[in-house]
């Protein structure tokens, strides 16, 4: 039998413990404090790896969400809410995040530069952090995608429409800038109505006046958003105009 030899750990200045090797008469010498250090390092490495995987998954969801790079840093925390209307909209956005999917959606209408896209992007980023799926696109692009499917196989249009039903949240920007034909209104109504029936919220964003609203999006869509949803008028001065004096 091999004799046990004591060794001192230079790092921790203590005698190493002898440990008999399995299926052998040999011994190895081990410092318990070194073992604790190794375990702490392993835990730290595993945690860092989990964080990297988590961030990678978020980055992938953000990329797939189609949020424009300009808005990928626009969080709810950085939304400048000083006016009563801004504070009300921000609070509603936070409630929306916590209660999704128990709302048919929200409607942000008002002039350019008033923070509509910032608030919508903030909602999207919060949900993406929580593992939800989001699509953020312009209505005109959505309609163009559907129309392009006409050149392909017969069921392609239905597949495209179904794709807009899949994400946990759909955000359609530039409502009112599209061609405003009956076809566009029918597509918008079908998308919002299908998502409503499947308990999937939709956020619509547009530079519209109240009088234009019903004409552009249709009574049926408007009713869906009225029913438990939130309609907000962003009727304050443009941030861009205020900041740049334009």
C-alpha atoms as a PDB file:
ATOM      1  CA  UNK A   1       0.000   0.000   0.000  1.00  0.00           C
ATOM      2  CA  UNK A   2       1.242   3.457  -0.915  1.00  0.00           C
ATOM      3  CA  UNK A   3       2.112   5.581   2.088  1.00  0.00           C
ATOM      4  CA  UNK A   4       0.048   8.717   2.641  1.00  0.00           C
ATOM      5  CA  UNK A   5       2.190  11.786   2.186  1.00  0.00           C
ATOM      6  CA  UNK A   6       1.069  15.161   3.484  1.00  0.00           C
ATOM      7  CA  UNK A   7       1.458  18.120   1.204  1.00  0.00           C
ATOM      8  CA  UNK A   8       0.871  21.775   1.877  1.00  0.00           C
ATOM      9  CA  UNK A   9      -1.247  23.995  -0.376  1.00  0.00           C
ATOM     10  CA  UNK A  10       0.835  27.082  -1.075  1.00  0.00           C
ATOM     11  CA  UNK A  11      -2.207  29.094  -2.092  1.00  0.00           C
ATOM     12  CA  UNK A  12      -4.166  28.548   1.132  1.00  0.00           C
ATOM     13  CA  UNK A  13      -1.231  27.572   3.416  1.00  0.00           C
ATOM     14  CA  UNK A  14      -2.867  24.412   4.716  1.00  0.00           C
ATOM     15  CA  UNK A  15      -2.181  20.671   4.668  1.00  0.00           C
ATOM     16  CA  UNK A  16      -3.820  18.878   1.775  1.00  0.00           C
ATOM     17  CA  UNK A  17      -6.110  15.984   2.569  1.00  0.00           C
ATOM     18  CA  UNK A  18      -5.364  12.538   1.165  1.00  0.00           C
ATOM     19  CA  UNK A  19      -8.115  10.928  -0.868  1.00  0.00           C
ATOM     20  CA  UNK A  20      -7.952   7.265  -1.903  1.00  0.00           C
ATOM     21  CA  UNK A  21      -8.457   6.765  -5.602  1.00  0.00           C
ATOM     22  CA  UNK A  22     -11.314   4.410  -6.547  1.00  0.00           C
ATOM     23  CA  UNK A  23     -10.337   0.900  -7.633  1.00  0.00           C
ATOM     24  CA  UNK A  24      -6.744   1.589  -6.625  1.00  0.00           C
ATOM     25  CA  UNK A  25      -4.400   1.687  -3.652  1.00  0.00           C
ATOM     26  CA  UNK A  26      -3.126   5.066  -4.746  1.00  0.00           C
ATOM     27  CA  UNK A  27      -3.895   8.343  -3.075  1.00  0.00           C
ATOM     28  CA  UNK A  28      -4.190  11.870  -4.339  1.00  0.00           C
ATOM     29  CA  UNK A  29      -3.855  14.986  -2.261  1.00  0.00           C
ATOM     30  CA  UNK A  30      -6.487  17.650  -2.362  1.00  0.00           C
ATOM     31  CA  UNK A  31      -6.907  21.047  -0.704  1.00  0.00           C
ATOM     32  CA  UNK A  32     -10.562  21.565   0.337  1.00  0.00           C
ATOM     33  CA  UNK A  33     -10.230  25.323  -0.124  1.00  0.00           C
ATOM     34  CA  UNK A  34      -8.983  24.812  -3.674  1.00  0.00           C
ATOM     35  CA  UNK A  35     -12.003  22.600  -4.244  1.00  0.00           C
ATOM     36  CA  UNK A  36     -14.278  25.390  -3.042  1.00  0.00           C
ATOM     37  CA  UNK A  37     -12.521  27.846  -5.346  1.00  0.00           C
ATOM     38  CA  UNK A  38     -12.949  25.483  -8.292  1.00  0.00           C
ATOM     39  CA  UNK A  39     -16.643  25.013  -7.513  1.00  0.00           C
ATOM     40  CA  UNK A  40     -17.161  28.775  -7.219  1.00  0.00           C
ATOM     41  CA  UNK A  41     -15.388  29.279 -10.562  1.00  0.00           C
ATOM     42  CA  UNK A  42     -17.524  26.592 -12.179  1.00  0.00           C
ATOM     43  CA  UNK A  43     -20.720  28.170 -10.852  1.00  0.00           C
ATOM     44  CA  UNK A  44     -19.580  31.591 -12.040  1.00  0.00           C
ATOM     45  CA  UNK A  45     -18.732  30.181 -15.479  1.00  0.00           C
ATOM     46  CA  UNK A  46     -22.067  28.348 -15.729  1.00  0.00           C
ATOM     47  CA  UNK A  47     -23.945  31.502 -14.734  1.00  0.00           C
ATOM     48  CA  UNK A  48     -22.029  33.560 -17.301  1.00  0.00           C
ATOM     49  CA  UNK A  49     -22.811  30.927 -19.921  1.00  0.00           C
ATOM     50  CA  UNK A  50     -26.504  31.019 -19.025  1.00  0.00           C
ATOM     51  CA  UNK A  51     -26.473  34.801 -19.287  1.00  0.00           C
ATOM     52  CA  UNK A  52     -24.784  34.602 -22.686  1.00  0.00           C
ATOM     53  CA  UNK A  53     -27.361  32.096 -23.903  1.00  0.00           C
ATOM     54  CA  UNK A  54     -30.183  34.221 -22.472  1.00  0.00           C
ATOM     55  CA  UNK A  55     -28.859  37.379 -24.141  1.00  0.00           C
ATOM     56  CA  UNK A  56     -28.328  35.493 -27.395  1.00  0.00           C
ATOM     57  CA  UNK A  57     -31.937  34.321 -27.297  1.00  0.00           C
ATOM     58  CA  UNK A  58     -33.120  37.882 -26.662  1.00  0.00           C
ATOM     59  CA  UNK A  59     -30.938  39.211 -29.476  1.00  0.00           C
ATOM     60  CA  UNK A  60     -32.413  36.604 -31.792  1.00  0.00           C
ATOM     61  CA  UNK A  61     -35.967  37.533 -30.777  1.00  0.00           C
ATOM     62  CA  UNK A  62     -35.210  41.239 -31.270  1.00  0.00           C
ATOM     63  CA  UNK A  63     -33.764  40.522 -34.719  1.00  0.00           C
ATOM     64  CA  UNK A  64     -36.767  38.401 -35.658  1.00  0.00           C
ATOM     65  CA  UNK A  65     -39.164  41.050 -34.349  1.00  0.00           C
ATOM     66  CA  UNK A  66     -38.204  43.377 -37.232  1.00  0.00           C
ATOM     67  CA  UNK A  67     -37.847  46.311 -34.817  1.00  0.00           C
ATOM     68  CA  UNK A  68     -35.797  48.909 -36.673  1.00  0.00           C
ATOM     69  CA  UNK A  69     -32.293  49.414 -35.193  1.00  0.00           C
ATOM     70  CA  UNK A  70     -33.207  53.040 -34.413  1.00  0.00           C
ATOM     71  CA  UNK A  71     -35.795  51.840 -31.890  1.00  0.00           C
ATOM     72  CA  UNK A  72     -33.955  48.906 -30.294  1.00  0.00           C
ATOM     73  CA  UNK A  73     -32.762  51.109 -27.421  1.00  0.00           C
ATOM     74  CA  UNK A  74     -36.122  52.847 -26.908  1.00  0.00           C
ATOM     75  CA  UNK A  75     -37.280  51.338 -23.631  1.00  0.00           C
ATOM     76  CA  UNK A  76     -40.150  52.276 -21.358  1.00  0.00           C
ATOM     77  CA  UNK A  77     -37.606  53.546 -18.829  1.00  0.00           C
ATOM     78  CA  UNK A  78     -36.174  56.020 -21.338  1.00  0.00           C
ATOM     79  CA  UNK A  79     -39.580  57.297 -22.466  1.00  0.00           C
ATOM     80  CA  UNK A  80     -39.789  60.994 -21.550  1.00  0.00           C
ATOM     81  CA  UNK A  81     -43.156  61.381 -19.815  1.00  0.00           C
ATOM     82  CA  UNK A  82     -43.603  64.903 -18.477  1.00  0.00           C
ATOM     83  CA  UNK A  83     -47.079  65.876 -19.710  1.00  0.00           C
ATOM     84  CA  UNK A  84     -50.229  64.302 -18.208  1.00  0.00           C
ATOM     85  CA  UNK A  85     -51.063  62.562 -21.502  1.00  0.00           C
ATOM     86  CA  UNK A  86     -47.566  61.124 -21.758  1.00  0.00           C
ATOM     87  CA  UNK A  87     -47.683  59.846 -18.174  1.00  0.00           C
ATOM     88  CA  UNK A  88     -51.083  58.248 -18.804  1.00  0.00           C
ATOM     89  CA  UNK A  89     -49.836  56.552 -21.969  1.00  0.00           C
ATOM     90  CA  UNK A  90     -46.670  55.287 -20.244  1.00  0.00           C
ATOM     91  CA  UNK A  91     -48.637  53.881 -17.313  1.00  0.00           C
ATOM     92  CA  UNK A  92     -51.033  52.159 -19.713  1.00  0.00           C
ATOM     93  CA  UNK A  93     -48.041  50.700 -21.576  1.00  0.00           C
ATOM     94  CA  UNK A  94     -46.643  49.225 -18.352  1.00  0.00           C
ATOM     95  CA  UNK A  95     -50.039  47.748 -17.462  1.00  0.00           C
ATOM     96  CA  UNK A  96     -50.313  46.360 -20.989  1.00  0.00           C
ATOM     97  CA  UNK A  97     -46.976  44.536 -20.594  1.00  0.00           C
ATOM     98  CA  UNK A  98     -48.069  42.990 -17.305  1.00  0.00           C
ATOM     99  CA  UNK A  99     -51.522  41.936 -18.520  1.00  0.00           C
ATOM    100  CA  UNK A 100     -50.749  40.690 -22.052  1.00  0.00           C
ATOM    101  CA  UNK A 101     -52.646  38.918 -23.602  1.00  0.00           C
ATOM    102  CA  UNK A 102     -55.704  40.141 -21.654  1.00  0.00           C
ATOM    103  CA  UNK A 103     -56.212  43.134 -23.943  1.00  0.00           C
ATOM    104  CA  UNK A 104     -57.164  43.325 -27.616  1.00  0.00           C
ATOM    105  CA  UNK A 105     -54.475  45.941 -28.075  1.00  0.00           C
ATOM    106  CA  UNK A 106     -53.731  49.652 -28.192  1.00  0.00           C
ATOM    107  CA  UNK A 107     -53.996  52.476 -30.699  1.00  0.00           C
ATOM    108  CA  UNK A 108     -51.459  55.317 -30.779  1.00  0.00           C
ATOM    109  CA  UNK A 109     -52.474  58.219 -33.011  1.00  0.00           C
ATOM    110  CA  UNK A 110     -50.939  61.647 -33.431  1.00  0.00           C
ATOM    111  CA  UNK A 111     -48.384  63.662 -35.321  1.00  0.00           C
ATOM    112  CA  UNK A 112     -44.834  62.559 -36.141  1.00  0.00           C
ATOM    113  CA  UNK A 113     -42.159  62.894 -33.478  1.00  0.00           C
ATOM    114  CA  UNK A 114     -44.523  62.574 -30.520  1.00  0.00           C
ATOM    115  CA  UNK A 115     -43.100  59.322 -29.159  1.00  0.00           C
ATOM    116  CA  UNK A 116     -45.581  56.782 -30.508  1.00  0.00           C
ATOM    117  CA  UNK A 117     -42.935  54.448 -31.906  1.00  0.00           C
ATOM    118  CA  UNK A 118     -40.747  54.858 -28.825  1.00  0.00           C
ATOM    119  CA  UNK A 119     -43.576  53.718 -26.556  1.00  0.00           C
ATOM    120  CA  UNK A 120     -44.533  50.826 -28.847  1.00  0.00           C
ATOM    121  CA  UNK A 121     -40.894  49.719 -29.104  1.00  0.00           C
ATOM    122  CA  UNK A 122     -40.587  49.914 -25.311  1.00  0.00           C
ATOM    123  CA  UNK A 123     -43.552  47.577 -24.942  1.00  0.00           C
ATOM    124  CA  UNK A 124     -42.091  45.213 -27.537  1.00  0.00           C
ATOM    125  CA  UNK A 125     -38.664  45.099 -25.874  1.00  0.00           C
ATOM    126  CA  UNK A 126     -40.209  44.400 -22.453  1.00  0.00           C
ATOM    127  CA  UNK A 127     -42.160  41.455 -23.875  1.00  0.00           C
ATOM    128  CA  UNK A 128     -39.130  40.154 -25.762  1.00  0.00           C
ATOM    129  CA  UNK A 129     -37.172  40.176 -22.486  1.00  0.00           C
ATOM    130  CA  UNK A 130     -39.914  37.950 -21.059  1.00  0.00           C
ATOM    131  CA  UNK A 131     -39.617  35.406 -23.850  1.00  0.00           C
ATOM    132  CA  UNK A 132     -42.599  36.628 -25.897  1.00  0.00           C
ATOM    133  CA  UNK A 133     -42.609  36.959 -29.676  1.00  0.00           C
ATOM    134  CA  UNK A 134     -43.226  40.284 -31.410  1.00  0.00           C
ATOM    135  CA  UNK A 135     -43.517  41.534 -34.989  1.00  0.00           C
ATOM    136  CA  UNK A 136     -43.125  45.299 -35.527  1.00  0.00           C
ATOM    137  CA  UNK A 137     -43.703  46.383 -39.121  1.00  0.00           C
ATOM    138  CA  UNK A 138     -45.483  48.955 -41.253  1.00  0.00           C
ATOM    139  CA  UNK A 139     -48.969  48.181 -42.548  1.00  0.00           C
ATOM    140  CA  UNK A 140     -47.911  48.980 -46.110  1.00  0.00           C
ATOM    141  CA  UNK A 141     -45.111  46.400 -45.897  1.00  0.00           C
ATOM    142  CA  UNK A 142     -47.533  43.828 -44.482  1.00  0.00           C
ATOM    143  CA  UNK A 143     -50.009  44.462 -47.306  1.00  0.00           C
ATOM    144  CA  UNK A 144     -47.191  44.348 -49.891  1.00  0.00           C
ATOM    145  CA  UNK A 145     -46.099  40.968 -48.521  1.00  0.00           C
ATOM    146  CA  UNK A 146     -49.648  39.649 -48.858  1.00  0.00           C
ATOM    147  CA  UNK A 147     -50.005  41.004 -52.398  1.00  0.00           C
ATOM    148  CA  UNK A 148     -46.686  39.490 -53.462  1.00  0.00           C
ATOM    149  CA  UNK A 149     -48.036  36.111 -52.376  1.00  0.00           C
ATOM    150  CA  UNK A 150     -50.598  36.327 -55.202  1.00  0.00           C
ATOM    151  CA  UNK A 151     -47.802  35.481 -57.651  1.00  0.00           C
ATOM    152  CA  UNK A 152     -47.077  32.237 -55.809  1.00  0.00           C
ATOM    153  CA  UNK A 153     -49.075  29.129 -54.962  1.00  0.00           C
ATOM    154  CA  UNK A 154     -52.774  29.417 -54.205  1.00  0.00           C
ATOM    155  CA  UNK A 155     -52.597  28.985 -50.446  1.00  0.00           C
ATOM    156  CA  UNK A 156     -49.645  31.357 -49.957  1.00  0.00           C
ATOM    157  CA  UNK A 157     -51.887  34.316 -49.059  1.00  0.00           C
ATOM    158  CA  UNK A 158     -53.530  32.360 -46.253  1.00  0.00           C
ATOM    159  CA  UNK A 159     -50.087  31.341 -44.961  1.00  0.00           C
ATOM    160  CA  UNK A 160     -48.968  34.986 -44.874  1.00  0.00           C
ATOM    161  CA  UNK A 161     -52.132  36.046 -43.062  1.00  0.00           C
ATOM    162  CA  UNK A 162     -51.632  33.198 -40.595  1.00  0.00           C
ATOM    163  CA  UNK A 163     -48.057  34.375 -39.971  1.00  0.00           C
ATOM    164  CA  UNK A 164     -49.431  37.664 -38.643  1.00  0.00           C
ATOM    165  CA  UNK A 165     -51.495  35.653 -36.167  1.00  0.00           C
ATOM    166  CA  UNK A 166     -48.518  33.795 -34.661  1.00  0.00           C
ATOM    167  CA  UNK A 167     -46.594  36.438 -32.625  1.00  0.00           C
ATOM    168  CA  UNK A 168     -47.697  37.247 -29.082  1.00  0.00           C
ATOM    169  CA  UNK A 169     -47.813  40.912 -30.092  1.00  0.00           C
ATOM    170  CA  UNK A 170     -48.205  42.475 -33.542  1.00  0.00           C
ATOM    171  CA  UNK A 171     -47.382  46.166 -34.010  1.00  0.00           C
ATOM    172  CA  UNK A 172     -48.491  47.793 -37.263  1.00  0.00           C
ATOM    173  CA  UNK A 173     -47.061  51.247 -37.923  1.00  0.00           C
ATOM    174  CA  UNK A 174     -47.992  53.936 -40.464  1.00  0.00           C
ATOM    175  CA  UNK A 175     -51.728  53.274 -40.358  1.00  0.00           C
ATOM    176  CA  UNK A 176     -53.206  55.766 -42.809  1.00  0.00           C
ATOM    177  CA  UNK A 177     -50.124  56.058 -45.032  1.00  0.00           C
ATOM    178  CA  UNK A 178     -51.081  52.975 -47.047  1.00  0.00           C
ATOM    179  CA  UNK A 179     -53.090  53.262 -50.252  1.00  0.00           C
ATOM    180  CA  UNK A 180     -56.339  53.233 -48.228  1.00  0.00           C
ATOM    181  CA  UNK A 181     -58.115  50.982 -50.711  1.00  0.00           C
ATOM    182  CA  UNK A 182     -60.850  48.620 -49.671  1.00  0.00           C
ATOM    183  CA  UNK A 183     -58.375  45.737 -50.036  1.00  0.00           C
ATOM    184  CA  UNK A 184     -56.025  47.218 -47.424  1.00  0.00           C
ATOM    185  CA  UNK A 185     -58.906  47.823 -45.029  1.00  0.00           C
ATOM    186  CA  UNK A 186     -60.143  44.260 -45.489  1.00  0.00           C
ATOM    187  CA  UNK A 187     -56.692  42.844 -44.753  1.00  0.00           C
ATOM    188  CA  UNK A 188     -56.306  45.028 -41.669  1.00  0.00           C
ATOM    189  CA  UNK A 189     -59.745  44.012 -40.421  1.00  0.00           C
ATOM    190  CA  UNK A 190     -59.013  40.323 -40.980  1.00  0.00           C
ATOM    191  CA  UNK A 191     -55.636  40.470 -39.236  1.00  0.00           C
ATOM    192  CA  UNK A 192     -56.931  42.369 -36.179  1.00  0.00           C
ATOM    193  CA  UNK A 193     -60.110  40.320 -35.965  1.00  0.00           C
ATOM    194  CA  UNK A 194     -58.261  36.981 -36.166  1.00  0.00           C
ATOM    195  CA  UNK A 195     -55.816  38.095 -33.489  1.00  0.00           C
ATOM    196  CA  UNK A 196     -58.705  39.274 -31.321  1.00  0.00           C
ATOM    197  CA  UNK A 197     -60.388  35.875 -31.610  1.00  0.00           C
ATOM    198  CA  UNK A 198     -57.146  34.129 -30.652  1.00  0.00           C
ATOM    199  CA  UNK A 199     -56.533  36.494 -27.702  1.00  0.00           C
ATOM    200  CA  UNK A 200     -53.484  38.042 -29.398  1.00  0.00           C
ATOM    201  CA  UNK A 201     -53.131  41.830 -28.884  1.00  0.00           C
ATOM    202  CA  UNK A 202     -52.352  44.271 -31.681  1.00  0.00           C
ATOM    203  CA  UNK A 203     -50.907  47.783 -31.464  1.00  0.00           C
ATOM    204  CA  UNK A 204     -51.744  50.169 -34.291  1.00  0.00           C
ATOM    205  CA  UNK A 205     -49.783  53.391 -34.850  1.00  0.00           C
ATOM    206  CA  UNK A 206     -50.788  56.208 -37.171  1.00  0.00           C
ATOM    207  CA  UNK A 207     -50.570  59.926 -37.910  1.00  0.00           C
ATOM    208  CA  UNK A 208     -54.345  60.341 -37.912  1.00  0.00           C
ATOM    209  CA  UNK A 209     -56.960  62.742 -36.672  1.00  0.00           C
ATOM    210  CA  UNK A 210     -60.032  61.440 -34.870  1.00  0.00           C
ATOM    211  CA  UNK A 211     -62.224  62.183 -37.887  1.00  0.00           C
ATOM    212  CA  UNK A 212     -59.919  60.139 -40.154  1.00  0.00           C
ATOM    213  CA  UNK A 213     -59.640  57.226 -37.769  1.00  0.00           C
ATOM    214  CA  UNK A 214     -62.940  55.462 -38.450  1.00  0.00           C
ATOM    215  CA  UNK A 215     -62.612  55.931 -42.224  1.00  0.00           C
ATOM    216  CA  UNK A 216     -59.100  54.505 -42.427  1.00  0.00           C
ATOM    217  CA  UNK A 217     -59.237  51.521 -40.066  1.00  0.00           C
ATOM    218  CA  UNK A 218     -62.947  50.778 -40.232  1.00  0.00           C
ATOM    219  CA  UNK A 219     -65.642  50.556 -37.573  1.00  0.00           C
ATOM    220  CA  UNK A 220     -65.032  46.880 -36.863  1.00  0.00           C
ATOM    221  CA  UNK A 221     -61.333  47.336 -36.078  1.00  0.00           C
ATOM    222  CA  UNK A 222     -62.089  50.389 -33.979  1.00  0.00           C
ATOM    223  CA  UNK A 223     -64.667  48.449 -31.977  1.00  0.00           C
ATOM    224  CA  UNK A 224     -62.125  45.703 -31.281  1.00  0.00           C
ATOM    225  CA  UNK A 225     -59.729  48.265 -29.815  1.00  0.00           C
ATOM    226  CA  UNK A 226     -62.454  50.031 -27.850  1.00  0.00           C
ATOM    227  CA  UNK A 227     -63.456  46.740 -26.220  1.00  0.00           C
ATOM    228  CA  UNK A 228     -60.943  46.672 -23.388  1.00  0.00           C
ATOM    229  CA  UNK A 229     -58.195  48.202 -25.463  1.00  0.00           C
ATOM    230  CA  UNK A 230     -56.635  51.622 -25.145  1.00  0.00           C
ATOM    231  CA  UNK A 231     -56.796  54.509 -27.604  1.00  0.00           C
ATOM    232  CA  UNK A 232     -54.325  57.327 -27.023  1.00  0.00           C
ATOM    233  CA  UNK A 233     -54.013  60.685 -28.743  1.00  0.00           C
ATOM    234  CA  UNK A 234     -50.407  61.875 -28.886  1.00  0.00           C
ATOM    235  CA  UNK A 235     -51.459  65.495 -29.308  1.00  0.00           C
ATOM    236  CA  UNK A 236     -48.407  67.225 -27.861  1.00  0.00           C
ATOM    237  CA  UNK A 237     -45.552  68.988 -29.630  1.00  0.00           C
ATOM    238  CA  UNK A 238     -43.078  66.909 -31.619  1.00  0.00           C
ATOM    239  CA  UNK A 239     -39.963  65.936 -29.638  1.00  0.00           C
ATOM    240  CA  UNK A 240     -37.869  66.490 -32.734  1.00  0.00           C
ATOM    241  CA  UNK A 241     -39.287  69.953 -33.312  1.00  0.00           C
ATOM    242  CA  UNK A 242     -38.795  70.872 -29.668  1.00  0.00           C
ATOM    243  CA  UNK A 243     -35.233  69.518 -29.477  1.00  0.00           C
ATOM    244  CA  UNK A 244     -34.015  70.927 -32.779  1.00  0.00           C
ATOM    245  CA  UNK A 245     -36.106  74.076 -33.055  1.00  0.00           C
ATOM    246  CA  UNK A 246     -37.560  72.964 -36.391  1.00  0.00           C
END
